[in-house]
Protein backbone atom coordinates (compact mmCIF):
# COMPACT_ATOMS: atom_id res chain seq x y z
CA UNK A 1 34.92 4.27 10.64
CA UNK A 2 34.38 3.76 14.46
CA UNK A 3 33.76 0.70 15.18
CA UNK A 4 30.32 0.75 15.92
CA UNK A 5 29.45 2.45 13.37
CA UNK A 6 30.57 -0.17 10.89
CA UNK A 7 27.51 -2.24 9.48
CA UNK A 8 27.47 -6.03 9.43
CA UNK A 9 26.58 -7.77 5.44
CA UNK A 10 23.32 -8.62 6.88
CA UNK A 11 22.37 -5.27 8.07
CA UNK A 12 23.54 -3.89 4.73
CA UNK A 13 21.37 -6.23 3.03
CA UNK A 14 19.20 -5.06 4.46
CA UNK A 15 18.95 -1.56 3.41
CA UNK A 16 19.36 -2.27 0.38
CA UNK A 17 15.87 -4.42 -0.06
CA UNK A 18 13.88 -1.63 2.13
CA UNK A 19 15.80 1.42 -0.04
CA UNK A 20 14.73 -1.71 -3.13
CA UNK A 21 10.91 -1.70 -2.37
CA UNK A 22 10.41 1.79 -1.19
CA UNK A 23 11.92 3.14 -4.30
CA UNK A 24 8.83 1.03 -6.06
CA UNK A 25 6.36 3.05 -4.11
CA UNK A 26 4.45 6.19 -5.93
CA UNK A 27 2.15 8.04 -3.93
CA UNK A 28 -1.78 7.60 -4.35
CA UNK A 29 -3.53 10.49 -6.34
CA UNK A 30 -5.34 12.64 -3.92
CA UNK A 31 -8.65 12.75 -5.70
CA UNK A 32 -9.42 15.66 -4.99
CA UNK A 33 -10.92 16.10 -8.19
CA UNK A 34 -14.19 13.60 -6.28
CA UNK A 35 -13.89 15.61 -3.60
CA UNK A 36 -15.06 18.35 -5.34
CA UNK A 37 -17.62 16.85 -7.50
CA UNK A 38 -18.90 15.23 -3.67
CA UNK A 39 -18.74 18.99 -3.08
CA UNK A 40 -21.08 20.31 -5.37
CA UNK A 41 -23.23 17.10 -5.90
CA UNK A 42 -24.10 16.35 -2.34
CA UNK A 43 -22.15 18.11 0.23
CA UNK A 44 -22.27 16.07 3.07
CA UNK A 45 -20.00 13.39 1.53
CA UNK A 46 -17.98 16.11 -0.35
CA UNK A 47 -17.21 16.84 3.48
CA UNK A 48 -16.24 13.75 4.24
CA UNK A 49 -14.13 13.57 0.99
CA UNK A 50 -12.18 16.13 1.18
CA UNK A 51 -10.96 15.37 4.39
CA UNK A 52 -10.00 12.18 3.30
CA UNK A 53 -8.87 13.40 -0.23
CA UNK A 54 -6.14 16.08 2.17
CA UNK A 55 -4.64 13.20 4.38
CA UNK A 56 -3.36 11.41 1.09
CA UNK A 57 -0.09 13.28 1.16
CA UNK A 58 1.15 13.98 5.48
CA UNK A 59 -0.16 10.54 5.73
CA UNK A 60 2.13 9.48 2.66
CA UNK A 61 5.06 11.44 4.06
CA UNK A 62 4.90 9.97 7.25
CA UNK A 63 5.42 6.34 6.22
CA UNK A 64 2.28 5.22 6.70
CA UNK A 65 1.96 4.04 3.11
CA UNK A 66 -1.30 1.99 3.45
CA UNK A 67 -3.62 4.62 5.52
CA UNK A 68 -2.67 6.78 2.34
CA UNK A 69 -3.67 4.11 -0.45
CA UNK A 70 -6.79 4.17 2.24
CA UNK A 71 -7.09 7.52 2.16
CA UNK A 72 -6.98 8.24 -0.98
CA UNK A 73 -9.50 5.38 -2.11
CA UNK A 74 -12.44 6.07 0.15
CA UNK A 75 -11.79 9.92 -1.40
CA UNK A 76 -12.27 8.55 -4.53
CA UNK A 77 -15.39 6.39 -3.23
CA UNK A 78 -16.81 9.14 -1.21
CA UNK A 79 -17.13 10.86 -5.05
CA UNK A 80 -18.57 8.72 -7.21
CA UNK A 81 -21.34 7.80 -4.98
CA UNK A 82 -22.02 11.25 -4.23
CA UNK A 83 -22.74 11.48 -7.76
CA UNK A 84 -24.66 8.07 -8.57
CA UNK A 85 -26.56 9.32 -5.30
CA UNK A 86 -27.22 13.20 -7.38
CA UNK A 87 -28.39 11.03 -10.70
CA UNK A 88 -30.23 8.66 -8.50
CA UNK A 89 -32.86 11.71 -7.76
CA UNK A 90 -32.57 12.99 -10.36
CA UNK A 91 -34.09 10.64 -12.28
CA UNK A 92 -36.37 9.70 -9.53
CA UNK A 93 -37.78 13.00 -9.74
CA UNK A 94 -38.13 13.15 -13.03
CA UNK A 95 -40.12 10.22 -13.70
CA UNK A 96 -41.84 11.66 -10.94
CA UNK A 97 -42.46 15.23 -12.69
CA UNK A 98 -42.95 13.27 -16.09
CA UNK A 99 -46.32 14.05 -17.97
């Protein structure tokens, strides 16, 4: 091994620490199902949810783990907001039209 290629003990320890931290991480769910729900029940939120859902894997693979988690959470939130908005609208319409 060349002298410039040798790792010091501190460098080796740092690499082992980083490897241990990375092994604990798992990719978040894309929440594509919530994006589909949003598309069905309220398409404007569905488009945003679909975009966020499609960003999870590329962000994770490029190493931006926090952004991947955030995109996953936004996709789920948009889907649940769309479903809630649909249910609320259906209840209001049913209340108005009830004889």
